[in-house]
């Protein structure tokens, strides 16, 4: 059994405790892409009434973005934009954004976090919601980026006949994007 810290309150922790904890935390952080990819695979076979399963939708979104020449960070955002469907039935964009937040730009983060409302333009009126809900953000600096993401990569990614690149194609991209956080309160400690 590995040595463990003994404090019962964090305020009582010591430098020695953190010397035990940090290597374990770093191992956990390095395995984040593995856990994200494993969670994404939970979407396989989950149709939820849609024409294709949720994993295929994510792969199709990423395939469209990749083939359109989008950068790797953007492609990974397209791949993971609906990863929160399994845990966030009412706020899946927030789950995806929380996972991506340390690793992506502010614009890409905003795009992922708000894609649900922007996609709502295409169907909210069928379920009794205001399809123009996205208009509240029309002056936001990332509104056009988000509308374009939905129009080009999220909305058309329900085609059962489309050629879809496999998850293995995107796996190295996920690993590269998630290798080092761009923003995190722990960034300085991680760089040591």
Protein backbone atom coordinates (compact mmCIF):
# COMPACT_ATOMS: atom_id res chain seq x y z
CA UNK A 1 0.00 0.00 0.00
CA UNK A 2 1.29 3.44 -0.88
CA UNK A 3 1.95 5.97 1.85
CA UNK A 4 -0.88 8.41 2.38
CA UNK A 5 -1.34 11.77 4.02
CA UNK A 6 -2.84 11.68 7.49
CA UNK A 7 -4.62 15.03 7.88
CA UNK A 8 -8.35 15.25 8.48
CA UNK A 9 -8.63 18.88 7.40
CA UNK A 10 -6.69 20.40 4.53
CA UNK A 11 -5.66 23.34 6.65
CA UNK A 12 -3.72 20.84 8.80
CA UNK A 13 -1.83 19.36 5.83
CA UNK A 14 1.95 19.62 5.62
CA UNK A 15 4.61 19.88 2.94
CA UNK A 16 5.30 16.17 3.53
CA UNK A 17 1.63 15.37 2.86
CA UNK A 18 1.74 17.22 -0.43
CA UNK A 19 4.96 15.46 -1.37
CA UNK A 20 2.87 12.27 -1.24
CA UNK A 21 -0.22 13.70 -2.91
CA UNK A 22 1.28 15.56 -5.89
CA UNK A 23 2.85 12.55 -7.65
CA UNK A 24 -0.49 10.77 -7.41
CA UNK A 25 -2.30 13.86 -8.68
CA UNK A 26 0.09 14.06 -11.62
CA UNK A 27 -0.52 10.39 -12.50
CA UNK A 28 -4.24 11.07 -12.42
CA UNK A 29 -3.84 14.18 -14.59
CA UNK A 30 -1.76 12.31 -17.18
CA UNK A 31 -4.50 9.69 -17.50
CA UNK A 32 -7.22 12.29 -18.14
CA UNK A 33 -7.28 11.71 -21.92
CA UNK A 34 -7.81 7.98 -21.29
CA UNK A 35 -10.79 8.69 -19.04
CA UNK A 36 -12.25 11.25 -21.45
CA UNK A 37 -11.97 8.84 -24.38
CA UNK A 38 -13.49 6.01 -22.31
CA UNK A 39 -16.38 8.27 -21.33
CA UNK A 40 -16.91 9.34 -24.93
CA UNK A 41 -17.28 5.66 -25.84
CA UNK A 42 -20.31 5.49 -23.51
CA UNK A 43 -22.17 7.42 -26.23
CA UNK A 44 -21.76 4.47 -28.62
CA UNK A 45 -25.15 2.89 -29.33
CA UNK A 46 -27.03 5.62 -27.45
CA UNK A 47 -29.45 6.89 -30.10
CA UNK A 48 -31.91 8.73 -27.88
CA UNK A 49 -34.28 8.73 -30.87
CA UNK A 50 -31.76 10.49 -33.13
CA UNK A 51 -30.88 9.17 -36.64
CA UNK A 52 -27.35 8.20 -35.45
CA UNK A 53 -25.96 7.40 -32.02
CA UNK A 54 -24.38 10.13 -29.95
CA UNK A 55 -20.81 8.89 -30.47
CA UNK A 56 -21.30 8.89 -34.25
CA UNK A 57 -22.68 12.44 -34.00
CA UNK A 58 -19.58 13.58 -32.11
CA UNK A 59 -17.28 11.79 -34.56
CA UNK A 60 -19.17 13.25 -37.51
CA UNK A 61 -18.91 16.78 -36.08
CA UNK A 62 -15.17 16.32 -35.59
CA UNK A 63 -14.77 14.78 -39.05
CA UNK A 64 -16.51 17.75 -40.66
CA UNK A 65 -14.37 20.22 -38.71
CA UNK A 66 -11.16 18.32 -39.52
CA UNK A 67 -11.95 18.09 -43.22
CA UNK A 68 -12.74 21.80 -43.24
CA UNK A 69 -9.20 22.53 -42.03
CA UNK A 70 -10.01 23.57 -38.48
CA UNK A 71 -7.14 23.53 -35.99
CA UNK A 72 -6.66 20.62 -33.62
CA UNK A 73 -8.14 22.39 -30.60
CA UNK A 74 -11.30 23.18 -32.56
CA UNK A 75 -11.57 19.59 -33.82
CA UNK A 76 -11.26 18.26 -30.26
CA UNK A 77 -13.99 20.69 -29.16
CA UNK A 78 -16.19 19.34 -31.97
CA UNK A 79 -15.44 15.79 -30.86
CA UNK A 80 -16.23 16.43 -27.20
CA UNK A 81 -19.04 18.98 -27.50
CA UNK A 82 -21.73 16.45 -26.50
CA UNK A 83 -19.69 14.28 -24.11
CA UNK A 84 -21.84 15.61 -21.27
CA UNK A 85 -25.00 13.95 -22.60
CA UNK A 86 -24.62 10.97 -20.24
CA UNK A 87 -24.23 13.01 -17.04
CA UNK A 88 -25.82 16.36 -17.84
CA UNK A 89 -29.24 15.65 -19.30
CA UNK A 90 -30.25 19.27 -18.74
CA UNK A 91 -26.86 20.96 -19.12
CA UNK A 92 -24.63 18.82 -21.32
CA UNK A 93 -22.77 21.82 -22.82
CA UNK A 94 -21.65 22.84 -19.32
CA UNK A 95 -20.20 19.38 -18.68
CA UNK A 96 -18.24 19.42 -21.95
CA UNK A 97 -17.03 22.96 -21.23
CA UNK A 98 -15.87 21.99 -17.73
CA UNK A 99 -13.78 19.16 -19.16
CA UNK A 100 -12.25 21.35 -21.87
CA UNK A 101 -11.79 24.57 -19.85
CA UNK A 102 -8.14 24.09 -18.81
CA UNK A 103 -7.07 23.15 -22.33
CA UNK A 104 -8.78 25.43 -24.85
CA UNK A 105 -9.01 29.09 -25.74
CA UNK A 106 -11.70 31.34 -24.34
CA UNK A 107 -13.50 31.43 -27.70
CA UNK A 108 -13.60 27.66 -28.12
CA UNK A 109 -14.71 27.24 -24.52
CA UNK A 110 -17.57 29.72 -24.99
CA UNK A 111 -18.54 27.98 -28.23
CA UNK A 112 -18.83 24.58 -26.52
CA UNK A 113 -20.62 25.98 -23.48
CA UNK A 114 -23.24 27.80 -25.56
CA UNK A 115 -23.69 25.46 -28.53
CA UNK A 116 -26.90 24.02 -27.08
CA UNK A 117 -28.74 27.34 -27.12
CA UNK A 118 -27.42 28.11 -30.61
CA UNK A 119 -28.47 24.65 -31.87
CA UNK A 120 -31.87 25.34 -30.32
CA UNK A 121 -32.62 27.66 -33.22
CA UNK A 122 -33.07 24.52 -35.31
CA UNK A 123 -35.56 22.74 -33.04
CA UNK A 124 -36.65 24.67 -29.93
CA UNK A 125 -39.91 25.75 -31.61
CA UNK A 126 -40.87 22.04 -31.92
CA UNK A 127 -40.61 21.50 -28.17
CA UNK A 128 -42.29 24.68 -26.96
CA UNK A 129 -39.20 26.82 -26.49
CA UNK A 130 -38.15 30.07 -28.12
CA UNK A 131 -35.95 29.24 -31.11
CA UNK A 132 -34.52 32.76 -30.96
CA UNK A 133 -33.08 32.26 -27.47
CA UNK A 134 -29.58 32.59 -28.95
CA UNK A 135 -30.34 36.18 -29.93
CA UNK A 136 -29.60 37.27 -26.37
CA UNK A 137 -25.93 36.63 -27.22
CA UNK A 138 -25.82 38.27 -30.67
CA UNK A 139 -23.49 41.05 -29.47
CA UNK A 140 -21.13 38.64 -27.73
CA UNK A 141 -17.66 38.41 -29.32
CA UNK A 142 -17.95 34.61 -29.72
CA UNK A 143 -21.55 34.45 -30.93
CA UNK A 144 -20.58 34.26 -34.61
CA UNK A 145 -18.02 31.53 -33.89
CA UNK A 146 -20.67 29.51 -32.06
CA UNK A 147 -23.33 30.01 -34.73
CA UNK A 148 -20.82 28.90 -37.36
CA UNK A 149 -19.92 25.79 -35.31
CA UNK A 150 -23.56 24.81 -35.09
CA UNK A 151 -24.30 25.57 -38.76
CA UNK A 152 -21.24 23.80 -40.20
CA UNK A 153 -20.40 21.01 -37.77
CA UNK A 154 -23.11 20.31 -35.18
CA UNK A 155 -26.35 20.72 -37.12
CA UNK A 156 -25.38 18.68 -40.23
CA UNK A 157 -23.76 15.86 -38.19
CA UNK A 158 -26.77 13.51 -38.04
CA UNK A 159 -26.24 11.90 -41.46
CA UNK A 160 -26.32 8.10 -41.21
CA UNK A 161 -24.75 7.88 -44.70
CA UNK A 162 -21.82 10.20 -44.06
CA UNK A 163 -18.27 8.92 -43.90
CA UNK A 164 -17.06 9.28 -40.33
CA UNK A 165 -13.44 9.08 -39.21
CA UNK A 166 -12.95 6.61 -36.31
CA UNK A 167 -12.23 7.62 -32.75
CA UNK A 168 -8.69 6.23 -33.12
CA UNK A 169 -8.02 8.96 -35.70
CA UNK A 170 -8.87 11.69 -33.16
CA UNK A 171 -7.26 10.07 -30.12
CA UNK A 172 -3.78 11.60 -30.70
CA UNK A 173 -5.39 15.04 -31.04
CA UNK A 174 -7.20 14.62 -27.72
CA UNK A 175 -3.93 13.57 -26.09
CA UNK A 176 -2.05 16.58 -27.50
CA UNK A 177 -4.74 19.12 -26.60
CA UNK A 178 -5.07 17.71 -23.09
CA UNK A 179 -1.34 17.28 -22.49
CA UNK A 180 -0.79 20.61 -20.73
CA UNK A 181 -3.40 22.99 -19.38
CA UNK A 182 -3.37 26.47 -20.87
CA UNK A 183 -5.24 27.85 -17.90
CA UNK A 184 -5.64 26.41 -14.44
CA UNK A 185 -5.06 27.53 -10.89
CA UNK A 186 -2.66 24.58 -10.72
CA UNK A 187 -0.70 25.54 -13.87
CA UNK A 188 2.37 26.82 -11.99
CA UNK A 189 2.55 23.72 -9.79
CA UNK A 190 2.17 21.45 -12.82
CA UNK A 191 5.05 23.15 -14.63
CA UNK A 192 7.54 22.30 -11.87
